[in-house]
N, C-alpha and C. Protein backbone atom coordinates (compact mmCIF):
# COMPACT_ATOMS: atom_id res chain seq x y z
N MET A 1 1.65 -11.72 -1.56
CA MET A 1 2.06 -11.72 -0.17
C MET A 1 2.95 -12.92 0.09
N LYS A 2 4.22 -12.64 0.37
CA LYS A 2 5.19 -13.72 0.57
C LYS A 2 5.27 -14.10 2.05
N ILE A 3 5.29 -15.40 2.31
CA ILE A 3 5.49 -15.89 3.67
C ILE A 3 6.87 -16.51 3.76
N CYS A 4 7.64 -16.02 4.72
CA CYS A 4 8.99 -16.53 4.97
C CYS A 4 8.99 -17.35 6.26
N ILE A 5 9.46 -18.57 6.16
CA ILE A 5 9.54 -19.43 7.34
C ILE A 5 11.00 -19.62 7.74
N PRO A 6 11.37 -19.25 8.96
CA PRO A 6 12.74 -19.46 9.43
C PRO A 6 13.04 -20.95 9.63
N VAL A 7 14.33 -21.28 9.52
CA VAL A 7 14.80 -22.64 9.74
C VAL A 7 15.48 -22.67 11.11
N PRO A 8 14.78 -23.10 12.16
CA PRO A 8 15.31 -23.04 13.53
C PRO A 8 16.14 -24.28 13.88
N ALA A 9 17.28 -24.44 13.22
CA ALA A 9 18.10 -25.63 13.44
C ALA A 9 19.40 -25.26 14.14
N ARG A 10 20.02 -26.28 14.77
CA ARG A 10 21.28 -26.06 15.49
C ARG A 10 22.46 -26.73 14.81
N SER A 11 22.23 -27.39 13.68
CA SER A 11 23.32 -28.01 12.93
C SER A 11 22.98 -27.93 11.45
N THR A 12 24.01 -28.05 10.62
CA THR A 12 23.79 -28.04 9.17
C THR A 12 22.89 -29.20 8.76
N ALA A 13 23.14 -30.37 9.32
CA ALA A 13 22.35 -31.55 8.97
C ALA A 13 20.88 -31.36 9.34
N ALA A 14 20.64 -30.82 10.52
CA ALA A 14 19.26 -30.59 10.96
C ALA A 14 18.59 -29.53 10.08
N ALA A 15 19.35 -28.51 9.68
CA ALA A 15 18.80 -27.47 8.81
C ALA A 15 18.39 -28.04 7.46
N LEU A 16 19.22 -28.91 6.90
CA LEU A 16 18.91 -29.52 5.62
C LEU A 16 17.61 -30.32 5.70
N LYS A 17 17.43 -31.03 6.79
CA LYS A 17 16.21 -31.83 6.97
C LYS A 17 14.98 -30.93 7.11
N LEU A 18 15.12 -29.87 7.89
CA LEU A 18 14.00 -28.95 8.10
C LEU A 18 13.64 -28.21 6.82
N MET A 19 14.62 -27.88 6.01
CA MET A 19 14.36 -27.18 4.75
C MET A 19 13.39 -27.99 3.89
N GLU A 20 13.56 -29.29 3.87
CA GLU A 20 12.68 -30.15 3.08
C GLU A 20 11.24 -30.10 3.61
N GLU A 21 11.09 -30.01 4.93
CA GLU A 21 9.76 -29.92 5.52
C GLU A 21 9.10 -28.57 5.23
N ILE A 22 9.92 -27.53 5.18
CA ILE A 22 9.40 -26.17 5.05
C ILE A 22 9.01 -25.82 3.62
N TYR A 23 9.73 -26.33 2.63
CA TYR A 23 9.50 -25.93 1.24
C TYR A 23 8.04 -25.86 0.82
N PRO A 24 7.21 -26.88 1.11
CA PRO A 24 5.82 -26.83 0.61
C PRO A 24 4.98 -25.71 1.23
N ARG A 25 5.43 -25.15 2.35
CA ARG A 25 4.60 -24.19 3.09
C ARG A 25 5.09 -22.76 2.99
N ALA A 26 6.26 -22.54 2.39
CA ALA A 26 6.87 -21.20 2.38
C ALA A 26 7.12 -20.70 0.97
N ASP A 27 7.16 -19.37 0.84
CA ASP A 27 7.60 -18.75 -0.40
C ASP A 27 9.11 -18.50 -0.35
N ILE A 28 9.59 -18.21 0.87
CA ILE A 28 11.00 -17.92 1.12
C ILE A 28 11.38 -18.59 2.43
N LEU A 29 12.62 -19.06 2.54
CA LEU A 29 13.13 -19.62 3.79
C LEU A 29 14.17 -18.66 4.38
N GLU A 30 14.22 -18.57 5.70
CA GLU A 30 15.27 -17.79 6.36
C GLU A 30 16.22 -18.76 7.05
N LEU A 31 17.47 -18.76 6.61
CA LEU A 31 18.50 -19.58 7.24
C LEU A 31 19.13 -18.77 8.36
N ARG A 32 18.78 -19.09 9.61
CA ARG A 32 19.34 -18.39 10.77
C ARG A 32 20.67 -19.04 11.13
N ILE A 33 21.70 -18.68 10.37
CA ILE A 33 22.98 -19.37 10.55
C ILE A 33 23.68 -19.00 11.85
N ASP A 34 23.22 -17.93 12.52
CA ASP A 34 23.79 -17.59 13.82
C ASP A 34 23.50 -18.68 14.85
N ARG A 35 22.49 -19.50 14.60
CA ARG A 35 22.11 -20.56 15.54
C ARG A 35 22.79 -21.88 15.22
N ILE A 36 23.46 -21.95 14.08
CA ILE A 36 24.05 -23.22 13.64
C ILE A 36 25.54 -23.24 13.94
N ARG A 37 25.99 -24.16 14.74
CA ARG A 37 27.40 -24.27 15.07
C ARG A 37 28.17 -24.88 13.90
N ASN A 38 29.32 -24.29 13.58
CA ASN A 38 30.16 -24.77 12.47
C ASN A 38 29.34 -24.90 11.18
N VAL A 39 28.60 -23.85 10.88
CA VAL A 39 27.69 -23.87 9.74
C VAL A 39 28.43 -24.07 8.42
N ASN A 40 27.85 -24.88 7.54
CA ASN A 40 28.39 -25.10 6.20
C ASN A 40 27.50 -24.33 5.22
N VAL A 41 27.84 -23.07 5.00
CA VAL A 41 27.01 -22.20 4.15
C VAL A 41 26.90 -22.72 2.72
N PRO A 42 28.01 -23.11 2.07
CA PRO A 42 27.89 -23.62 0.69
C PRO A 42 26.96 -24.83 0.59
N LYS A 43 27.02 -25.72 1.57
CA LYS A 43 26.18 -26.93 1.53
C LYS A 43 24.70 -26.57 1.65
N LEU A 44 24.38 -25.64 2.53
CA LEU A 44 23.00 -25.22 2.70
C LEU A 44 22.45 -24.56 1.44
N LEU A 45 23.27 -23.70 0.84
CA LEU A 45 22.80 -22.99 -0.35
C LEU A 45 22.71 -23.90 -1.56
N ALA A 46 23.59 -24.86 -1.65
CA ALA A 46 23.54 -25.81 -2.77
C ALA A 46 22.28 -26.66 -2.71
N ALA A 47 21.73 -26.85 -1.51
CA ALA A 47 20.56 -27.72 -1.34
C ALA A 47 19.23 -26.98 -1.49
N ARG A 48 19.26 -25.68 -1.58
CA ARG A 48 18.00 -24.94 -1.56
C ARG A 48 17.18 -25.16 -2.84
N LYS A 49 15.86 -25.15 -2.66
CA LYS A 49 14.93 -25.30 -3.77
C LYS A 49 14.06 -24.06 -3.95
N LYS A 50 14.17 -23.15 -3.00
CA LYS A 50 13.45 -21.88 -3.06
C LYS A 50 14.40 -20.78 -2.60
N ALA A 51 13.97 -19.55 -2.80
CA ALA A 51 14.77 -18.39 -2.38
C ALA A 51 15.00 -18.44 -0.87
N VAL A 52 16.19 -17.99 -0.45
CA VAL A 52 16.52 -17.97 0.98
C VAL A 52 17.05 -16.61 1.40
N ILE A 53 16.77 -16.29 2.65
CA ILE A 53 17.40 -15.15 3.33
C ILE A 53 18.43 -15.75 4.26
N VAL A 54 19.68 -15.31 4.14
CA VAL A 54 20.71 -15.76 5.06
C VAL A 54 20.87 -14.68 6.13
N THR A 55 20.61 -15.06 7.38
CA THR A 55 20.67 -14.14 8.52
C THR A 55 21.68 -14.66 9.52
N ASN A 56 22.59 -13.78 9.91
CA ASN A 56 23.59 -14.13 10.93
C ASN A 56 23.48 -13.08 12.04
N ARG A 57 22.41 -13.22 12.82
CA ARG A 57 21.99 -12.15 13.73
C ARG A 57 22.97 -11.89 14.87
N ARG A 58 23.26 -10.63 15.09
CA ARG A 58 24.14 -10.22 16.18
C ARG A 58 23.40 -10.33 17.52
N GLY A 59 24.18 -10.51 18.58
CA GLY A 59 23.61 -10.79 19.89
C GLY A 59 22.70 -9.72 20.44
N ASP A 60 23.04 -8.44 20.23
CA ASP A 60 22.23 -7.38 20.81
C ASP A 60 20.94 -7.14 20.03
N GLU A 61 20.71 -7.91 18.97
CA GLU A 61 19.44 -7.81 18.25
C GLU A 61 18.75 -9.17 18.18
N GLY A 62 19.00 -9.99 19.20
CA GLY A 62 18.29 -11.25 19.33
C GLY A 62 18.97 -12.45 18.71
N GLY A 63 20.24 -12.31 18.31
CA GLY A 63 20.94 -13.41 17.67
C GLY A 63 21.81 -14.22 18.60
N ASP A 64 22.40 -15.30 18.04
CA ASP A 64 23.21 -16.22 18.83
C ASP A 64 24.66 -16.31 18.35
N PHE A 65 25.06 -15.44 17.42
CA PHE A 65 26.42 -15.57 16.88
C PHE A 65 27.44 -15.25 17.96
N ARG A 66 28.50 -16.07 18.05
CA ARG A 66 29.48 -15.96 19.14
C ARG A 66 30.82 -15.36 18.72
N GLY A 67 31.05 -15.19 17.43
CA GLY A 67 32.35 -14.71 16.97
C GLY A 67 32.44 -13.20 16.89
N THR A 68 33.48 -12.73 16.20
CA THR A 68 33.68 -11.29 16.02
C THR A 68 32.73 -10.77 14.94
N GLU A 69 32.62 -9.46 14.88
CA GLU A 69 31.79 -8.86 13.84
C GLU A 69 32.35 -9.16 12.45
N GLU A 70 33.67 -9.17 12.33
CA GLU A 70 34.30 -9.49 11.04
C GLU A 70 33.94 -10.91 10.61
N GLU A 71 33.95 -11.83 11.57
CA GLU A 71 33.60 -13.22 11.26
C GLU A 71 32.12 -13.34 10.90
N ARG A 72 31.31 -12.59 11.61
CA ARG A 72 29.86 -12.63 11.37
C ARG A 72 29.53 -12.16 9.95
N VAL A 73 30.07 -11.01 9.59
CA VAL A 73 29.80 -10.47 8.25
C VAL A 73 30.50 -11.32 7.19
N GLY A 74 31.63 -11.94 7.56
CA GLY A 74 32.34 -12.82 6.63
C GLY A 74 31.47 -13.97 6.15
N LEU A 75 30.62 -14.50 7.04
CA LEU A 75 29.72 -15.57 6.64
C LEU A 75 28.63 -15.06 5.69
N LEU A 76 28.22 -13.81 5.87
CA LEU A 76 27.26 -13.23 4.93
C LEU A 76 27.91 -13.04 3.56
N LYS A 77 29.19 -12.66 3.56
CA LYS A 77 29.92 -12.53 2.29
C LYS A 77 29.99 -13.89 1.58
N LYS A 78 30.19 -14.95 2.36
CA LYS A 78 30.23 -16.28 1.77
C LYS A 78 28.88 -16.63 1.16
N ALA A 79 27.79 -16.22 1.84
CA ALA A 79 26.45 -16.47 1.31
C ALA A 79 26.26 -15.76 -0.02
N VAL A 80 26.78 -14.54 -0.14
CA VAL A 80 26.72 -13.82 -1.41
C VAL A 80 27.50 -14.57 -2.48
N GLN A 81 28.68 -15.03 -2.10
CA GLN A 81 29.55 -15.77 -3.04
C GLN A 81 28.84 -16.99 -3.62
N PHE A 82 28.01 -17.64 -2.78
CA PHE A 82 27.34 -18.86 -3.23
C PHE A 82 25.89 -18.61 -3.66
N GLY A 83 25.58 -17.34 -3.93
CA GLY A 83 24.34 -17.02 -4.62
C GLY A 83 23.08 -16.89 -3.81
N ALA A 84 23.17 -16.60 -2.51
CA ALA A 84 21.95 -16.41 -1.71
C ALA A 84 21.11 -15.28 -2.31
N GLU A 85 19.80 -15.48 -2.31
CA GLU A 85 18.92 -14.45 -2.87
C GLU A 85 18.87 -13.20 -2.00
N TYR A 86 18.99 -13.39 -0.68
CA TYR A 86 18.96 -12.25 0.25
C TYR A 86 19.97 -12.49 1.37
N VAL A 87 20.57 -11.40 1.86
CA VAL A 87 21.33 -11.44 3.10
C VAL A 87 20.80 -10.33 4.00
N ASP A 88 20.60 -10.66 5.27
CA ASP A 88 20.07 -9.70 6.25
C ASP A 88 21.25 -9.18 7.07
N ILE A 89 21.41 -7.86 7.06
CA ILE A 89 22.48 -7.24 7.86
C ILE A 89 21.90 -6.09 8.65
N GLU A 90 22.21 -6.05 9.93
CA GLU A 90 21.69 -4.99 10.80
C GLU A 90 22.28 -3.64 10.41
N VAL A 91 21.44 -2.63 10.37
CA VAL A 91 21.88 -1.30 9.97
C VAL A 91 22.86 -0.72 10.98
N ARG A 92 22.86 -1.26 12.21
CA ARG A 92 23.80 -0.80 13.24
C ARG A 92 25.18 -1.45 13.11
N THR A 93 25.35 -2.30 12.11
CA THR A 93 26.66 -2.90 11.85
C THR A 93 27.65 -1.82 11.45
N ASP A 94 28.92 -2.02 11.77
CA ASP A 94 29.97 -1.06 11.41
C ASP A 94 29.89 -0.69 9.92
N ARG A 95 29.99 0.59 9.63
CA ARG A 95 29.82 1.07 8.25
C ARG A 95 30.80 0.42 7.28
N GLN A 96 32.03 0.22 7.73
CA GLN A 96 33.04 -0.37 6.86
C GLN A 96 32.65 -1.80 6.48
N LEU A 97 32.13 -2.55 7.45
CA LEU A 97 31.72 -3.92 7.17
C LEU A 97 30.52 -3.96 6.23
N ILE A 98 29.59 -3.02 6.40
CA ILE A 98 28.46 -2.93 5.47
C ILE A 98 28.97 -2.62 4.06
N SER A 99 29.91 -1.68 3.97
CA SER A 99 30.46 -1.30 2.66
C SER A 99 31.14 -2.50 1.99
N GLU A 100 31.86 -3.28 2.79
CA GLU A 100 32.54 -4.46 2.23
C GLU A 100 31.53 -5.49 1.71
N LEU A 101 30.44 -5.69 2.46
CA LEU A 101 29.42 -6.64 2.02
C LEU A 101 28.77 -6.18 0.71
N LEU A 102 28.43 -4.90 0.64
CA LEU A 102 27.82 -4.37 -0.58
C LEU A 102 28.79 -4.43 -1.76
N ALA A 103 30.06 -4.20 -1.48
CA ALA A 103 31.08 -4.30 -2.54
C ALA A 103 31.15 -5.73 -3.07
N ASP A 104 31.04 -6.71 -2.16
CA ASP A 104 31.06 -8.11 -2.58
C ASP A 104 29.85 -8.44 -3.45
N ILE A 105 28.70 -7.89 -3.10
CA ILE A 105 27.50 -8.11 -3.91
C ILE A 105 27.71 -7.57 -5.32
N ARG A 106 28.26 -6.36 -5.40
CA ARG A 106 28.52 -5.77 -6.72
C ARG A 106 29.58 -6.56 -7.48
N LYS A 107 30.62 -6.97 -6.79
CA LYS A 107 31.73 -7.68 -7.42
C LYS A 107 31.28 -9.03 -7.98
N GLN A 108 30.40 -9.71 -7.25
CA GLN A 108 29.92 -11.01 -7.70
C GLN A 108 28.96 -10.87 -8.88
N GLY A 109 28.48 -9.63 -9.08
CA GLY A 109 27.49 -9.42 -10.12
C GLY A 109 26.25 -10.24 -9.85
N SER A 110 26.02 -10.49 -8.57
CA SER A 110 24.95 -11.40 -8.19
C SER A 110 23.64 -10.64 -8.04
N PHE A 111 22.57 -11.40 -8.00
CA PHE A 111 21.25 -10.79 -7.82
C PHE A 111 20.88 -10.77 -6.34
N THR A 112 21.86 -11.01 -5.46
CA THR A 112 21.60 -10.96 -4.02
C THR A 112 21.10 -9.58 -3.63
N GLN A 113 20.04 -9.55 -2.83
CA GLN A 113 19.54 -8.30 -2.28
C GLN A 113 19.85 -8.23 -0.80
N ALA A 114 20.27 -7.06 -0.36
CA ALA A 114 20.54 -6.85 1.07
C ALA A 114 19.26 -6.39 1.77
N ILE A 115 19.01 -6.95 2.95
CA ILE A 115 17.93 -6.49 3.82
C ILE A 115 18.58 -5.77 4.99
N PHE A 116 18.33 -4.49 5.11
CA PHE A 116 18.92 -3.71 6.20
C PHE A 116 17.94 -3.66 7.36
N SER A 117 18.28 -4.34 8.44
CA SER A 117 17.32 -4.56 9.52
C SER A 117 17.67 -3.78 10.79
N TRP A 118 16.63 -3.53 11.57
CA TRP A 118 16.75 -2.85 12.86
C TRP A 118 15.72 -3.48 13.79
N HIS A 119 16.17 -3.95 14.97
CA HIS A 119 15.30 -4.63 15.92
C HIS A 119 15.39 -3.99 17.29
N ASP A 120 14.26 -3.95 17.99
CA ASP A 120 14.23 -3.52 19.38
C ASP A 120 13.34 -4.51 20.14
N PHE A 121 13.96 -5.34 20.98
CA PHE A 121 13.23 -6.36 21.71
C PHE A 121 12.67 -5.83 23.05
N SER A 122 12.91 -4.55 23.35
CA SER A 122 12.44 -4.01 24.63
C SER A 122 11.17 -3.18 24.48
N GLY A 123 10.98 -2.60 23.32
CA GLY A 123 9.80 -1.74 23.14
C GLY A 123 9.76 -1.13 21.76
N THR A 124 8.89 -0.13 21.61
CA THR A 124 8.72 0.57 20.33
C THR A 124 8.97 2.06 20.54
N PRO A 125 9.93 2.64 19.82
CA PRO A 125 10.17 4.08 19.94
C PRO A 125 8.96 4.88 19.47
N ASP A 126 8.97 6.19 19.74
CA ASP A 126 7.86 7.02 19.27
C ASP A 126 7.95 7.18 17.75
N GLN A 127 6.90 7.74 17.16
CA GLN A 127 6.82 7.80 15.70
C GLN A 127 7.97 8.60 15.10
N GLY A 128 8.35 9.68 15.74
CA GLY A 128 9.44 10.49 15.22
C GLY A 128 10.75 9.72 15.16
N GLU A 129 11.03 8.96 16.21
CA GLU A 129 12.26 8.16 16.26
C GLU A 129 12.21 7.04 15.23
N LEU A 130 11.06 6.42 15.07
CA LEU A 130 10.92 5.36 14.07
C LEU A 130 11.17 5.90 12.66
N ASN A 131 10.67 7.09 12.40
CA ASN A 131 10.88 7.70 11.08
C ASN A 131 12.36 8.00 10.85
N LYS A 132 13.08 8.38 11.91
CA LYS A 132 14.52 8.60 11.80
C LYS A 132 15.24 7.30 11.48
N ILE A 133 14.83 6.22 12.13
CA ILE A 133 15.43 4.90 11.87
C ILE A 133 15.18 4.50 10.42
N LEU A 134 13.96 4.73 9.95
CA LEU A 134 13.64 4.42 8.55
C LEU A 134 14.55 5.20 7.61
N ARG A 135 14.74 6.49 7.87
CA ARG A 135 15.59 7.30 6.99
C ARG A 135 17.04 6.81 7.02
N LYS A 136 17.48 6.31 8.17
CA LYS A 136 18.83 5.77 8.26
C LYS A 136 18.93 4.48 7.43
N CYS A 137 17.90 3.66 7.50
CA CYS A 137 17.92 2.39 6.75
C CYS A 137 17.93 2.62 5.24
N VAL A 138 17.20 3.61 4.77
CA VAL A 138 17.09 3.82 3.32
C VAL A 138 18.32 4.50 2.73
N LEU A 139 19.28 4.85 3.57
CA LEU A 139 20.54 5.38 3.05
C LEU A 139 21.28 4.30 2.27
N HIS A 140 20.98 3.04 2.57
CA HIS A 140 21.61 1.92 1.90
C HIS A 140 20.69 1.38 0.81
N ASP A 141 21.27 0.78 -0.20
CA ASP A 141 20.50 0.25 -1.32
C ASP A 141 20.04 -1.17 -0.99
N GLY A 142 18.78 -1.31 -0.60
CA GLY A 142 18.27 -2.63 -0.26
C GLY A 142 16.87 -2.54 0.32
N ILE A 143 16.39 -3.66 0.82
CA ILE A 143 15.08 -3.73 1.47
C ILE A 143 15.26 -3.35 2.94
N VAL A 144 14.28 -2.66 3.50
CA VAL A 144 14.32 -2.24 4.90
C VAL A 144 13.51 -3.23 5.74
N LYS A 145 14.02 -3.53 6.94
CA LYS A 145 13.26 -4.32 7.90
C LYS A 145 13.34 -3.65 9.27
N ILE A 146 12.18 -3.33 9.84
CA ILE A 146 12.13 -2.74 11.17
C ILE A 146 11.14 -3.54 12.01
N ALA A 147 11.62 -4.08 13.12
CA ALA A 147 10.78 -4.89 14.00
C ALA A 147 11.00 -4.45 15.44
N THR A 148 9.92 -4.19 16.15
CA THR A 148 10.00 -3.73 17.54
C THR A 148 9.07 -4.57 18.41
N MET A 149 9.27 -4.47 19.72
CA MET A 149 8.38 -5.16 20.66
C MET A 149 7.18 -4.27 20.97
N ALA A 150 5.99 -4.83 20.84
CA ALA A 150 4.79 -4.08 21.18
C ALA A 150 4.47 -4.26 22.67
N ASN A 151 4.55 -3.16 23.40
CA ASN A 151 4.16 -3.18 24.81
C ASN A 151 2.73 -2.65 24.99
N GLU A 152 2.28 -1.90 23.99
CA GLU A 152 0.91 -1.38 23.95
C GLU A 152 0.33 -1.66 22.57
N MET A 153 -0.98 -1.79 22.47
CA MET A 153 -1.59 -2.05 21.17
C MET A 153 -1.30 -0.93 20.18
N GLU A 154 -1.16 0.30 20.69
CA GLU A 154 -0.89 1.44 19.81
C GLU A 154 0.45 1.33 19.10
N ASP A 155 1.37 0.52 19.65
CA ASP A 155 2.69 0.35 19.02
C ASP A 155 2.55 -0.25 17.62
N ASN A 156 1.52 -1.06 17.43
CA ASN A 156 1.30 -1.64 16.10
C ASN A 156 1.09 -0.55 15.05
N LEU A 157 0.32 0.45 15.40
CA LEU A 157 0.02 1.52 14.45
C LEU A 157 1.28 2.31 14.08
N LYS A 158 2.14 2.54 15.08
CA LYS A 158 3.37 3.29 14.81
C LYS A 158 4.23 2.58 13.78
N VAL A 159 4.39 1.27 13.95
CA VAL A 159 5.26 0.51 13.05
C VAL A 159 4.60 0.33 11.69
N LEU A 160 3.29 0.09 11.67
CA LEU A 160 2.60 -0.07 10.39
C LEU A 160 2.64 1.22 9.57
N ASN A 161 2.69 2.36 10.24
CA ASN A 161 2.80 3.64 9.52
C ASN A 161 4.06 3.71 8.67
N LEU A 162 5.09 2.96 9.06
CA LEU A 162 6.35 2.98 8.32
C LEU A 162 6.20 2.40 6.91
N ILE A 163 5.23 1.53 6.73
CA ILE A 163 5.03 0.93 5.41
C ILE A 163 4.64 2.00 4.40
N ALA A 164 3.70 2.87 4.78
CA ALA A 164 3.30 3.97 3.90
C ALA A 164 4.45 4.94 3.67
N GLU A 165 5.22 5.21 4.72
CA GLU A 165 6.34 6.13 4.59
C GLU A 165 7.39 5.58 3.62
N ALA A 166 7.67 4.29 3.74
CA ALA A 166 8.65 3.67 2.84
C ALA A 166 8.16 3.69 1.40
N LYS A 167 6.87 3.47 1.21
CA LYS A 167 6.31 3.48 -0.15
C LYS A 167 6.47 4.86 -0.80
N LYS A 168 6.35 5.92 0.01
CA LYS A 168 6.56 7.27 -0.52
C LYS A 168 7.99 7.44 -1.03
N MET A 169 8.93 6.71 -0.41
CA MET A 169 10.34 6.78 -0.81
C MET A 169 10.66 5.76 -1.92
N ASN A 170 9.62 5.05 -2.36
CA ASN A 170 9.78 4.01 -3.39
C ASN A 170 10.72 2.90 -2.93
N ARG A 171 10.57 2.51 -1.66
CA ARG A 171 11.40 1.46 -1.08
C ARG A 171 10.55 0.35 -0.52
N GLU A 172 11.05 -0.88 -0.67
CA GLU A 172 10.37 -2.03 -0.07
C GLU A 172 10.72 -2.10 1.41
N ILE A 173 9.73 -2.50 2.21
CA ILE A 173 9.95 -2.58 3.65
C ILE A 173 9.24 -3.79 4.24
N ILE A 174 9.85 -4.35 5.27
CA ILE A 174 9.25 -5.37 6.12
C ILE A 174 9.10 -4.70 7.48
N ALA A 175 7.90 -4.55 7.98
CA ALA A 175 7.69 -3.84 9.24
C ALA A 175 6.61 -4.52 10.06
N PHE A 176 6.90 -4.79 11.32
CA PHE A 176 5.92 -5.43 12.19
C PHE A 176 6.37 -5.31 13.64
N CYS A 177 5.46 -5.61 14.56
CA CYS A 177 5.78 -5.65 15.98
C CYS A 177 5.86 -7.10 16.45
N MET A 178 6.71 -7.32 17.43
CA MET A 178 6.85 -8.64 18.05
C MET A 178 6.05 -8.70 19.34
N GLY A 179 5.96 -9.90 19.91
CA GLY A 179 5.24 -10.08 21.16
C GLY A 179 3.76 -10.37 20.93
N GLU A 180 3.08 -10.76 22.01
CA GLU A 180 1.65 -11.09 21.92
C GLU A 180 0.84 -9.91 21.42
N LYS A 181 1.17 -8.71 21.90
CA LYS A 181 0.42 -7.53 21.48
C LYS A 181 0.78 -7.07 20.07
N GLY A 182 1.82 -7.69 19.51
CA GLY A 182 2.23 -7.33 18.16
C GLY A 182 1.65 -8.20 17.07
N ARG A 183 0.87 -9.20 17.44
CA ARG A 183 0.31 -10.12 16.45
C ARG A 183 -0.55 -9.39 15.42
N LEU A 184 -1.25 -8.35 15.86
CA LEU A 184 -2.10 -7.57 14.95
C LEU A 184 -1.29 -7.04 13.77
N SER A 185 -0.10 -6.53 14.07
CA SER A 185 0.73 -5.95 13.00
C SER A 185 1.23 -7.03 12.04
N ARG A 186 1.49 -8.23 12.55
CA ARG A 186 1.94 -9.32 11.68
C ARG A 186 0.87 -9.69 10.66
N ILE A 187 -0.39 -9.56 11.06
CA ILE A 187 -1.51 -9.86 10.16
C ILE A 187 -1.76 -8.71 9.19
N ALA A 188 -1.70 -7.47 9.72
CA ALA A 188 -2.02 -6.30 8.90
C ALA A 188 -0.92 -5.93 7.92
N ALA A 189 0.34 -6.16 8.30
CA ALA A 189 1.47 -5.70 7.49
C ALA A 189 1.42 -6.17 6.04
N PRO A 190 1.20 -7.46 5.77
CA PRO A 190 1.18 -7.88 4.36
C PRO A 190 0.02 -7.27 3.57
N VAL A 191 -1.10 -7.03 4.25
CA VAL A 191 -2.25 -6.41 3.58
C VAL A 191 -1.91 -4.97 3.19
N LEU A 192 -1.11 -4.30 4.02
CA LEU A 192 -0.74 -2.91 3.78
C LEU A 192 0.45 -2.76 2.83
N GLY A 193 1.08 -3.88 2.48
CA GLY A 193 2.16 -3.80 1.50
C GLY A 193 3.54 -4.15 1.99
N SER A 194 3.65 -4.77 3.17
CA SER A 194 4.95 -5.23 3.64
C SER A 194 5.51 -6.25 2.66
N TYR A 195 6.82 -6.21 2.42
CA TYR A 195 7.45 -7.04 1.39
C TYR A 195 7.22 -8.53 1.64
N LEU A 196 7.29 -8.94 2.91
CA LEU A 196 7.02 -10.33 3.27
C LEU A 196 6.62 -10.40 4.73
N SER A 197 6.17 -11.57 5.13
CA SER A 197 5.81 -11.82 6.53
C SER A 197 6.54 -13.07 7.01
N TYR A 198 6.97 -13.04 8.27
CA TYR A 198 7.63 -14.19 8.87
C TYR A 198 6.61 -15.02 9.64
N ALA A 199 6.67 -16.32 9.46
CA ALA A 199 5.79 -17.23 10.20
C ALA A 199 6.57 -18.50 10.51
N SER A 200 6.17 -19.18 11.59
CA SER A 200 6.89 -20.39 11.98
C SER A 200 6.29 -21.62 11.28
N LEU A 201 7.08 -22.66 11.19
CA LEU A 201 6.61 -23.90 10.60
C LEU A 201 5.49 -24.50 11.45
N GLU A 202 5.64 -24.42 12.78
CA GLU A 202 4.65 -24.97 13.69
C GLU A 202 4.79 -24.30 15.05
N LYS A 203 3.85 -24.55 15.92
CA LYS A 203 3.92 -24.03 17.29
C LYS A 203 5.19 -24.53 17.97
N GLY A 204 5.89 -23.63 18.65
CA GLY A 204 7.12 -24.01 19.33
C GLY A 204 8.36 -23.82 18.50
N ALA A 205 8.19 -23.49 17.21
CA ALA A 205 9.34 -23.30 16.32
C ALA A 205 9.52 -21.83 15.95
N GLU A 206 8.96 -20.93 16.77
CA GLU A 206 9.05 -19.50 16.48
C GLU A 206 10.49 -19.00 16.57
N SER A 207 10.86 -18.09 15.68
CA SER A 207 12.18 -17.46 15.74
C SER A 207 12.13 -16.11 16.45
N ALA A 208 10.93 -15.64 16.74
CA ALA A 208 10.74 -14.37 17.45
C ALA A 208 9.40 -14.42 18.17
N PRO A 209 9.26 -13.69 19.29
CA PRO A 209 8.02 -13.74 20.07
C PRO A 209 6.82 -13.19 19.29
N GLY A 210 5.70 -13.89 19.41
CA GLY A 210 4.47 -13.44 18.77
C GLY A 210 4.27 -13.95 17.36
N GLN A 211 5.21 -14.73 16.87
CA GLN A 211 5.13 -15.24 15.50
C GLN A 211 3.98 -16.24 15.37
N LEU A 212 3.16 -16.08 14.33
CA LEU A 212 2.11 -17.05 14.05
C LEU A 212 2.69 -18.18 13.21
N THR A 213 1.96 -19.29 13.12
CA THR A 213 2.41 -20.35 12.23
C THR A 213 2.04 -19.99 10.79
N ALA A 214 2.70 -20.61 9.85
CA ALA A 214 2.41 -20.35 8.44
C ALA A 214 0.96 -20.69 8.12
N ALA A 215 0.47 -21.78 8.69
CA ALA A 215 -0.93 -22.18 8.45
C ALA A 215 -1.90 -21.13 8.97
N GLU A 216 -1.62 -20.59 10.15
CA GLU A 216 -2.48 -19.54 10.71
C GLU A 216 -2.45 -18.30 9.83
N MET A 217 -1.26 -17.89 9.41
CA MET A 217 -1.12 -16.70 8.57
C MET A 217 -1.91 -16.85 7.27
N LYS A 218 -1.75 -17.99 6.61
CA LYS A 218 -2.43 -18.20 5.33
C LYS A 218 -3.95 -18.21 5.51
N ARG A 219 -4.41 -18.81 6.58
CA ARG A 219 -5.85 -18.89 6.83
C ARG A 219 -6.43 -17.49 7.09
N ILE A 220 -5.74 -16.69 7.91
CA ILE A 220 -6.23 -15.34 8.24
C ILE A 220 -6.16 -14.44 7.02
N LEU A 221 -5.05 -14.48 6.28
CA LEU A 221 -4.89 -13.61 5.12
C LEU A 221 -5.90 -13.95 4.03
N LYS A 222 -6.21 -15.22 3.89
CA LYS A 222 -7.21 -15.63 2.90
C LYS A 222 -8.55 -14.99 3.19
N VAL A 223 -8.93 -14.95 4.48
CA VAL A 223 -10.19 -14.33 4.88
C VAL A 223 -10.14 -12.82 4.63
N LEU A 224 -9.04 -12.17 5.00
CA LEU A 224 -8.93 -10.72 4.86
C LEU A 224 -8.94 -10.28 3.42
N VAL A 225 -8.16 -10.97 2.59
CA VAL A 225 -8.03 -10.56 1.19
C VAL A 225 -9.32 -10.76 0.42
N HIS A 226 -10.07 -11.80 0.78
CA HIS A 226 -11.28 -12.12 0.02
C HIS A 226 -12.55 -11.63 0.73
N ALA A 227 -12.36 -10.84 1.79
CA ALA A 227 -13.53 -10.34 2.53
C ALA A 227 -14.29 -9.30 1.71
């Protein structure tokens, strides 16, 4: 069970400092470069000591990137060029831009894996719609990530069901609900086979609503796994 801790920094220098703090507590780090002004991608990747996910989140899915879509994906291409282990790209990104990113991964001959993500910060679609989203995500060669806002406790079950569905397709998936009512799914997902779980370094450093701290996640999972 991998725990990924986001790096919630606003500058390259601050990100480098936070990375050092995070390393002992994480299996993977997520570099949220959409939050970093004038980000120096090569410098961040040269300094890494563990695998990283480079995420340049678009605004309508909870991100802070201010440039064009071409510029946004261009930074992900740079991350591939400098050997990032993972790049996260929203499945709703323009098809041509997705194709260009995947072509760059193949051209570099790199071991970079793409994470095709889909987020809904307003709620959770019904099971049929979620299954359609999953099928759309698996059209691309990569890991799937689906995260929705839980407005009802039952929303957790809908999203967790996607883990079993993805396994039937022989695909890795990250699936969970956000928000206070979504905490249950964040705990259950890794036990059910989610590829990884996101947790914050500490209280107040969450990158999404409902995120537990890495210490809380490890403590709860230890009890569940050894129960």
